[in-house]
């Protein structure tokens, strides 16, 4: 029997509603429900010089994020993450100030976690890779966002293992499909609701795509080291070409990632974190024979309230198309924390993508308010 995505979303909503009613009714009134989270506000200015003529473009924009959790009991919560940001790219030779800003849902899910095992369901991000959100510094994640498994509707679960030899190891698995619900549209419709008619990786009627991951940390003989290994397979029923026609000669997208992070605290007060990640995508985008390979290395140095960060991403795209390319992105960031809430960062970035080189300088003033 074929289950439509609408049916899955409807059932998931009913289950979440039942859980909400049950746990709000049974929670300790003195402690729960409790609301906590954080709000981030940023003022950003990015100046970019593109191509051999160094065409200049200035982009002044706001970014805000509200990460809110409604703690129903000690183990149950509902989390919603909402962002305000530009949801359309600027024109290559046009300045922009606070244009195309819109609010969108990032993640919305219900979660259970007892400290050893847990699961979440709703609009989720699957565990696969690290650099797409955690490459050191500003402007360092762009190429790695190719393999980010976000904007998915489904469920994920995890189990934590403790060992005197291997430290803490978490096994996780996610099953999902691309979110085509109302949550996929921005609030002012700058980004329209995704539809099944576009096809592509995990854009299917039911949550038949999956990702599995192992994450390790707190290794007694290797202090400061953490690692992740992950695999994914995203079902592809069809893709659409540049003319909007459906192409059914497709293959499921497969991927593997591995990353290491090493933190060292020196006696002179310098704190160092080194990261490295490799990712391979086979039949990238559902195109048979297409592939993507990624290598990311980065470093963060902290001393008191100062920090310096650098990251280098290299991407190799291969396939029987004009999209074959070797791309590179280098970013160098310096930052200072005025207080626990106020900070400022400046970055210089050089990116070479599909043969075109662009240099950019960005300055960010950031305020974070926990609650």
Protein backbone atom coordinates (compact mmCIF):
# COMPACT_ATOMS: atom_id res chain seq x y z
CA UNK A 1 0.00 0.00 0.00
CA UNK A 2 1.44 3.37 -1.03
CA UNK A 3 1.56 6.00 1.70
CA UNK A 4 1.54 9.62 0.58
CA UNK A 5 3.64 12.31 2.22
CA UNK A 6 0.42 14.11 3.19
CA UNK A 7 -0.71 11.00 5.08
CA UNK A 8 2.67 10.73 6.81
CA UNK A 9 2.63 14.41 7.82
CA UNK A 10 -0.97 14.11 9.06
CA UNK A 11 -0.18 11.06 11.18
CA UNK A 12 2.98 12.66 12.53
CA UNK A 13 1.01 15.77 13.50
CA UNK A 14 -1.62 13.66 15.27
CA UNK A 15 1.04 11.74 17.20
CA UNK A 16 2.84 14.95 18.20
CA UNK A 17 -0.45 16.47 19.34
CA UNK A 18 -1.26 13.44 21.46
CA UNK A 19 2.19 13.54 23.07
CA UNK A 20 1.82 17.24 23.83
CA UNK A 21 -1.53 16.79 25.57
CA UNK A 22 -0.35 13.75 27.51
CA UNK A 23 2.87 15.24 28.83
CA UNK A 24 1.59 18.72 29.57
CA UNK A 25 -1.14 17.10 31.65
CA UNK A 26 1.28 14.82 33.53
CA UNK A 27 4.19 17.27 34.04
CA UNK A 28 5.20 18.52 37.47
CA UNK A 29 3.52 21.92 37.66
CA UNK A 30 6.41 23.33 39.74
CA UNK A 31 9.08 22.61 37.11
CA UNK A 32 7.36 21.93 33.79
CA UNK A 33 6.44 23.03 31.22
CA UNK A 34 9.49 25.32 30.99
CA UNK A 35 10.55 27.57 28.13
CA UNK A 36 14.24 28.07 27.35
CA UNK A 37 16.51 28.80 24.42
CA UNK A 38 18.40 31.70 22.87
CA UNK A 39 17.99 34.62 20.48
CA UNK A 40 20.79 35.70 18.13
CA UNK A 41 20.82 39.10 16.38
CA UNK A 42 23.43 40.05 13.77
CA UNK A 43 24.21 43.10 11.65
CA UNK A 44 26.34 42.10 8.64
CA UNK A 45 28.03 43.93 5.80
CA UNK A 46 29.71 42.03 2.96
CA UNK A 47 31.66 43.64 0.11
CA UNK A 48 32.51 41.37 -2.84
CA UNK A 49 34.81 41.84 -5.83
CA UNK A 50 34.07 39.42 -8.69
CA UNK A 51 35.91 38.46 -11.88
CA UNK A 52 38.91 39.93 -13.70
CA UNK A 53 37.37 43.43 -13.62
CA UNK A 54 36.79 43.16 -9.85
CA UNK A 55 33.14 44.17 -10.13
CA UNK A 56 32.18 45.43 -6.67
CA UNK A 57 28.96 44.63 -4.82
CA UNK A 58 27.94 45.60 -1.29
CA UNK A 59 25.41 43.61 0.75
CA UNK A 60 24.09 44.98 4.07
CA UNK A 61 21.80 42.52 5.84
CA UNK A 62 20.34 41.31 9.10
CA UNK A 63 20.41 37.80 10.49
CA UNK A 64 18.38 36.65 13.48
CA UNK A 65 17.67 33.24 14.96
CA UNK A 66 15.29 32.18 17.71
CA UNK A 67 16.06 28.72 19.09
CA UNK A 68 13.24 27.87 21.48
CA UNK A 69 12.54 24.69 23.44
CA UNK A 70 9.37 23.95 25.37
CA UNK A 71 10.52 21.45 28.01
CA UNK A 72 7.46 19.32 28.73
CA UNK A 73 9.10 16.97 31.23
CA UNK A 74 12.67 16.08 32.14
CA UNK A 75 12.94 13.93 28.99
CA UNK A 76 10.43 15.42 26.54
CA UNK A 77 10.62 18.71 24.66
CA UNK A 78 9.35 20.49 21.58
CA UNK A 79 11.95 22.58 19.75
CA UNK A 80 11.43 25.23 17.07
CA UNK A 81 14.26 27.11 15.33
CA UNK A 82 13.27 30.14 13.24
CA UNK A 83 15.62 32.41 11.28
CA UNK A 84 15.43 35.82 9.61
CA UNK A 85 17.90 36.22 6.73
CA UNK A 86 18.15 37.10 3.02
CA UNK A 87 16.60 34.19 1.12
CA UNK A 88 17.65 35.27 -2.38
CA UNK A 89 21.11 35.96 -3.79
CA UNK A 90 21.93 39.55 -4.75
CA UNK A 91 22.45 40.54 -8.38
CA UNK A 92 26.13 40.28 -9.40
CA UNK A 93 26.66 44.03 -9.95
CA UNK A 94 24.00 45.55 -7.69
CA UNK A 95 24.31 46.80 -4.12
CA UNK A 96 21.71 45.57 -1.64
CA UNK A 97 20.58 46.84 1.77
CA UNK A 98 18.12 44.80 3.87
CA UNK A 99 16.44 43.35 0.77
CA UNK A 100 14.98 39.85 0.33
CA UNK A 101 14.87 39.40 4.12
CA UNK A 102 12.37 36.79 5.22
CA UNK A 103 11.59 34.44 8.08
CA UNK A 104 11.76 30.68 7.66
CA UNK A 105 11.43 27.55 9.75
CA UNK A 106 14.75 25.78 10.25
CA UNK A 107 13.84 22.82 12.46
CA UNK A 108 10.58 21.96 14.24
CA UNK A 109 10.37 18.68 16.13
CA UNK A 110 9.32 16.80 19.25
CA UNK A 111 12.12 14.99 21.08
CA UNK A 112 12.64 12.41 23.80
CA UNK A 113 16.07 11.91 25.43
CA UNK A 114 16.75 10.03 28.67
CA UNK A 115 20.52 10.55 28.57
CA UNK A 116 21.22 7.14 27.03
CA UNK A 117 18.81 6.93 24.10
CA UNK A 118 16.44 9.26 22.34
CA UNK A 119 14.55 10.15 19.20
CA UNK A 120 12.98 13.14 17.48
CA UNK A 121 10.35 13.53 14.81
CA UNK A 122 9.21 16.41 12.62
CA UNK A 123 11.18 18.81 10.43
CA UNK A 124 14.74 17.66 11.15
CA UNK A 125 18.35 17.82 10.01
CA UNK A 126 20.02 14.42 9.65
CA UNK A 127 23.50 13.69 11.04
CA UNK A 128 25.88 13.69 8.07
CA UNK A 129 29.11 15.63 8.06
CA UNK A 130 30.20 18.62 10.10
CA UNK A 131 31.78 21.35 7.96
CA UNK A 132 28.50 22.48 6.36
CA UNK A 133 27.67 24.17 9.67
CA UNK A 134 30.89 24.01 11.72
CA UNK A 135 33.81 24.95 9.45
CA UNK A 136 35.85 27.49 11.45
CA UNK A 137 35.05 31.17 10.98
CA UNK A 138 32.64 33.14 8.83
CA UNK A 139 31.94 32.46 5.15
CA UNK A 140 33.59 29.02 5.38
CA UNK A 141 30.63 26.68 4.91
CA UNK A 142 29.37 27.59 1.42
CA UNK A 143 30.78 24.70 -0.62
CA UNK A 144 30.21 22.17 2.16
CA UNK A 145 26.51 23.06 2.22
CA UNK A 146 26.22 20.84 -0.88
CA UNK A 147 25.87 17.81 1.39
CA UNK A 148 23.83 19.30 4.23
CA UNK A 149 20.81 17.06 4.90
CA UNK A 150 18.44 19.77 6.14
CA UNK A 151 14.82 20.70 5.41
CA UNK A 152 13.73 17.07 5.84
CA UNK A 153 10.54 15.63 7.30
CA UNK A 154 11.08 12.41 9.21
CA UNK A 155 12.50 10.91 12.39
CA UNK A 156 15.88 10.12 13.89
CA UNK A 157 17.01 8.10 16.87
CA UNK A 158 20.24 7.59 18.79
CA UNK A 159 21.86 5.42 21.44
CA UNK A 160 24.92 6.31 23.53
CA UNK A 161 27.56 3.77 24.51
CA UNK A 162 30.15 4.30 27.25
CA UNK A 163 33.52 2.53 27.33
CA UNK A 164 36.66 2.91 29.45
CA UNK A 165 38.68 2.48 26.24
CA UNK A 166 36.68 4.29 23.55
CA UNK A 167 34.92 6.91 25.66
CA UNK A 168 31.44 7.99 24.56
CA UNK A 169 30.13 6.69 21.22
CA UNK A 170 26.73 7.67 19.83
CA UNK A 171 25.00 5.60 17.15
CA UNK A 172 22.32 7.51 15.23
CA UNK A 173 19.99 6.82 12.32
CA UNK A 174 17.53 9.02 10.41
CA UNK A 175 14.75 8.23 7.94
CA UNK A 176 13.24 11.12 6.02
CA UNK A 177 11.99 12.72 2.84
CA UNK A 178 12.31 16.29 1.60
CA UNK A 179 9.91 18.56 3.48
CA UNK A 180 7.21 19.74 1.07
CA UNK A 181 4.83 20.87 3.81
CA UNK A 182 3.95 24.48 4.67
CA UNK A 183 7.08 24.56 6.84
CA UNK A 184 9.21 24.60 3.66
CA UNK A 185 7.92 28.03 2.61
CA UNK A 186 9.21 31.26 4.11
CA UNK A 187 6.69 33.42 5.95
CA UNK A 188 6.61 36.15 3.26
CA UNK A 189 6.94 33.61 0.45
CA UNK A 190 10.35 34.82 -0.73
CA UNK A 191 11.14 31.11 -0.72
CA UNK A 192 8.12 29.23 -2.01
CA UNK A 193 6.82 25.94 -0.69
CA UNK A 194 8.74 22.98 -2.06
CA UNK A 195 6.74 20.58 -4.24
CA UNK A 196 7.07 16.93 -5.21
CA UNK A 197 6.94 17.94 -8.89
CA UNK A 198 10.59 19.06 -8.79
CA UNK A 199 11.98 15.65 -7.91
CA UNK A 200 15.57 15.23 -6.77
CA UNK A 201 17.22 13.55 -3.77
CA UNK A 202 14.75 12.40 -1.07
CA UNK A 203 11.83 14.24 -2.74
CA UNK A 204 9.58 11.20 -2.46
CA UNK A 205 6.08 10.32 -1.26
CA UNK A 206 7.34 8.61 1.90
CA UNK A 207 10.43 8.78 4.17
CA UNK A 208 12.54 6.20 2.32
CA UNK A 209 15.89 8.03 2.45
CA UNK A 210 18.22 7.42 5.38
CA UNK A 211 21.47 8.45 7.07
CA UNK A 212 23.43 6.59 9.75
CA UNK A 213 26.29 7.97 11.81
CA UNK A 214 28.77 7.15 14.56
CA UNK A 215 30.05 9.95 16.77
CA UNK A 216 32.80 9.54 19.36
CA UNK A 217 34.26 11.80 22.03
CA UNK A 218 35.78 11.82 25.56
CA UNK A 219 38.36 9.14 24.66
CA UNK A 220 40.53 8.63 27.79
CA UNK A 221 43.84 8.09 25.95
CA UNK A 222 43.11 10.78 23.32
CA UNK A 223 41.86 13.81 25.27
CA UNK A 224 40.24 16.51 23.17
CA UNK A 225 39.63 14.25 20.17
CA UNK A 226 36.18 13.73 18.63
CA UNK A 227 35.21 12.00 15.40
CA UNK A 228 32.26 11.14 13.16
CA UNK A 229 31.66 8.56 10.43
CA UNK A 230 28.43 8.71 8.43
CA UNK A 231 26.68 7.15 5.44
CA UNK A 232 23.58 8.22 3.55
CA UNK A 233 21.35 7.04 0.74
CA UNK A 234 18.76 9.40 -0.72
CA UNK A 235 16.08 7.97 -2.97
CA UNK A 236 15.61 9.69 -6.32
CA UNK A 237 12.48 8.99 -8.38
CA UNK A 238 13.22 11.59 -11.06
CA UNK A 239 14.94 14.94 -11.61
CA UNK A 240 13.96 17.97 -13.66
CA UNK A 241 16.26 19.42 -16.32
CA UNK A 242 16.87 23.10 -17.11
CA UNK A 243 13.72 23.21 -19.25
CA UNK A 244 11.56 21.80 -16.46
CA UNK A 245 11.14 18.37 -18.07
CA UNK A 246 11.25 15.26 -15.91
CA UNK A 247 14.17 12.88 -16.38
CA UNK A 248 13.66 9.32 -15.12
CA UNK A 249 17.11 7.92 -15.96
CA UNK A 250 18.32 8.52 -12.41
CA UNK A 251 20.13 6.81 -9.55
CA UNK A 252 19.83 7.12 -5.79
CA UNK A 253 22.40 9.48 -4.28
CA UNK A 254 24.90 7.78 -1.96
CA UNK A 255 27.36 9.46 0.38
CA UNK A 256 30.07 8.85 2.98
CA UNK A 257 31.74 11.31 5.35
CA UNK A 258 34.49 11.22 7.96
CA UNK A 259 35.71 13.99 10.22
CA UNK A 260 38.10 14.57 13.10
CA UNK A 261 38.35 17.41 15.60
CA UNK A 262 41.22 17.87 18.03
CA UNK A 263 41.18 20.41 20.82
CA UNK A 264 44.33 21.30 22.79
CA UNK A 265 44.52 23.76 25.69
CA UNK A 266 48.08 25.05 26.11
CA UNK A 267 49.57 26.25 29.38
CA UNK A 268 50.06 29.78 28.01
CA UNK A 269 46.29 30.26 27.70
CA UNK A 270 45.97 29.52 23.97
CA UNK A 271 43.17 27.12 23.06
CA UNK A 272 43.50 25.32 19.69
CA UNK A 273 40.87 23.35 17.76
CA UNK A 274 41.88 21.64 14.50
CA UNK A 275 39.25 20.11 12.21
CA UNK A 276 39.37 17.98 9.08
CA UNK A 277 36.65 16.37 6.99
CA UNK A 278 36.37 14.32 3.80
CA UNK A 279 33.08 13.63 2.00
CA UNK A 280 32.22 11.64 -1.10
CA UNK A 281 28.89 11.76 -2.95
CA UNK A 282 28.14 9.18 -5.65
CA UNK A 283 25.47 9.83 -8.30
CA UNK A 284 25.28 13.35 -6.90
CA UNK A 285 21.88 14.96 -7.33
CA UNK A 286 20.49 11.69 -8.70
CA UNK A 287 22.55 11.95 -11.92
CA UNK A 288 24.16 8.57 -12.77
CA UNK A 289 27.94 8.89 -12.86
CA UNK A 290 28.07 12.35 -11.29
CA UNK A 291 30.12 12.70 -8.13
CA UNK A 292 31.31 15.22 -5.59
CA UNK A 293 34.43 15.02 -3.43
CA UNK A 294 35.15 17.44 -0.60
CA UNK A 295 38.16 18.10 1.61
CA UNK A 296 37.90 20.62 4.44
CA UNK A 297 40.62 21.59 6.92
CA UNK A 298 40.44 24.35 9.49
CA UNK A 299 41.91 25.80 12.66
CA UNK A 300 40.61 27.94 15.53
CA UNK A 301 42.94 29.67 18.00
CA UNK A 302 41.55 31.40 21.08
CA UNK A 303 43.33 33.57 23.60
CA UNK A 304 41.24 35.32 26.20
CA UNK A 305 38.49 37.15 24.32
CA UNK A 306 40.36 37.01 20.99
CA UNK A 307 40.08 34.35 18.31
CA UNK A 308 41.57 33.66 14.88
CA UNK A 309 40.08 31.11 12.50
CA UNK A 310 41.00 29.78 9.09
CA UNK A 311 39.38 27.21 6.79
CA UNK A 312 40.15 25.78 3.36
CA UNK A 313 37.58 23.81 1.35
CA UNK A 314 38.36 22.05 -1.92
CA UNK A 315 35.54 20.57 -4.00
CA UNK A 316 35.82 18.31 -7.03
CA UNK A 317 32.67 17.91 -9.13
CA UNK A 318 32.77 15.26 -11.84
CA UNK A 319 30.19 14.03 -14.31
CA UNK A 320 29.15 13.93 -17.94
CA UNK A 321 28.07 17.59 -17.85
CA UNK A 322 29.39 21.13 -17.96
CA UNK A 323 29.23 21.19 -14.16
CA UNK A 324 32.55 19.36 -13.82
CA UNK A 325 34.84 21.66 -11.86
CA UNK A 326 37.50 21.96 -9.20
CA UNK A 327 36.52 24.67 -6.74
CA UNK A 328 38.29 26.21 -3.78
CA UNK A 329 37.29 28.41 -0.85
CA UNK A 330 39.67 29.97 1.67
CA UNK A 331 38.51 32.06 4.64
CA UNK A 332 40.49 33.91 7.32
CA UNK A 333 38.54 35.29 10.30
CA UNK A 334 39.45 37.40 13.34
CA UNK A 335 37.03 38.00 16.19
CA UNK A 336 36.68 39.54 19.65
CA UNK A 337 34.13 38.94 22.42
CA UNK A 338 33.30 42.24 24.13
CA UNK A 339 31.11 40.46 26.69
CA UNK A 340 29.45 37.07 26.97
CA UNK A 341 26.70 38.43 24.71
CA UNK A 342 28.37 40.94 22.35
CA UNK A 343 31.00 40.00 19.76
CA UNK A 344 32.47 41.25 16.49
CA UNK A 345 34.09 39.32 13.62
CA UNK A 346 35.76 40.25 10.34
CA UNK A 347 36.61 37.82 7.53
CA UNK A 348 38.42 37.85 4.22
CA UNK A 349 37.35 35.10 1.84
CA UNK A 350 38.50 34.06 -1.61
CA UNK A 351 36.38 31.60 -3.59
CA UNK A 352 37.02 30.11 -7.01
CA UNK A 353 33.84 28.43 -8.26
CA UNK A 354 33.32 27.17 -11.82
CA UNK A 355 36.35 29.12 -12.99
CA UNK A 356 35.32 32.50 -11.54
CA UNK A 357 37.21 34.07 -8.63
CA UNK A 358 35.54 36.30 -6.05
CA UNK A 359 37.09 38.06 -3.05
CA UNK A 360 34.93 39.30 -0.21
CA UNK A 361 35.25 41.07 3.14
CA UNK A 362 32.51 40.74 5.73
CA UNK A 363 32.08 42.39 9.13
CA UNK A 364 29.58 41.05 11.67
CA UNK A 365 28.32 42.53 14.94
CA UNK A 366 26.57 39.83 16.98
CA UNK A 367 24.38 39.77 20.10
CA UNK A 368 23.21 36.58 21.80
CA UNK A 369 20.60 36.44 24.55
CA UNK A 370 19.98 33.13 26.35
CA UNK A 371 16.74 32.64 28.24
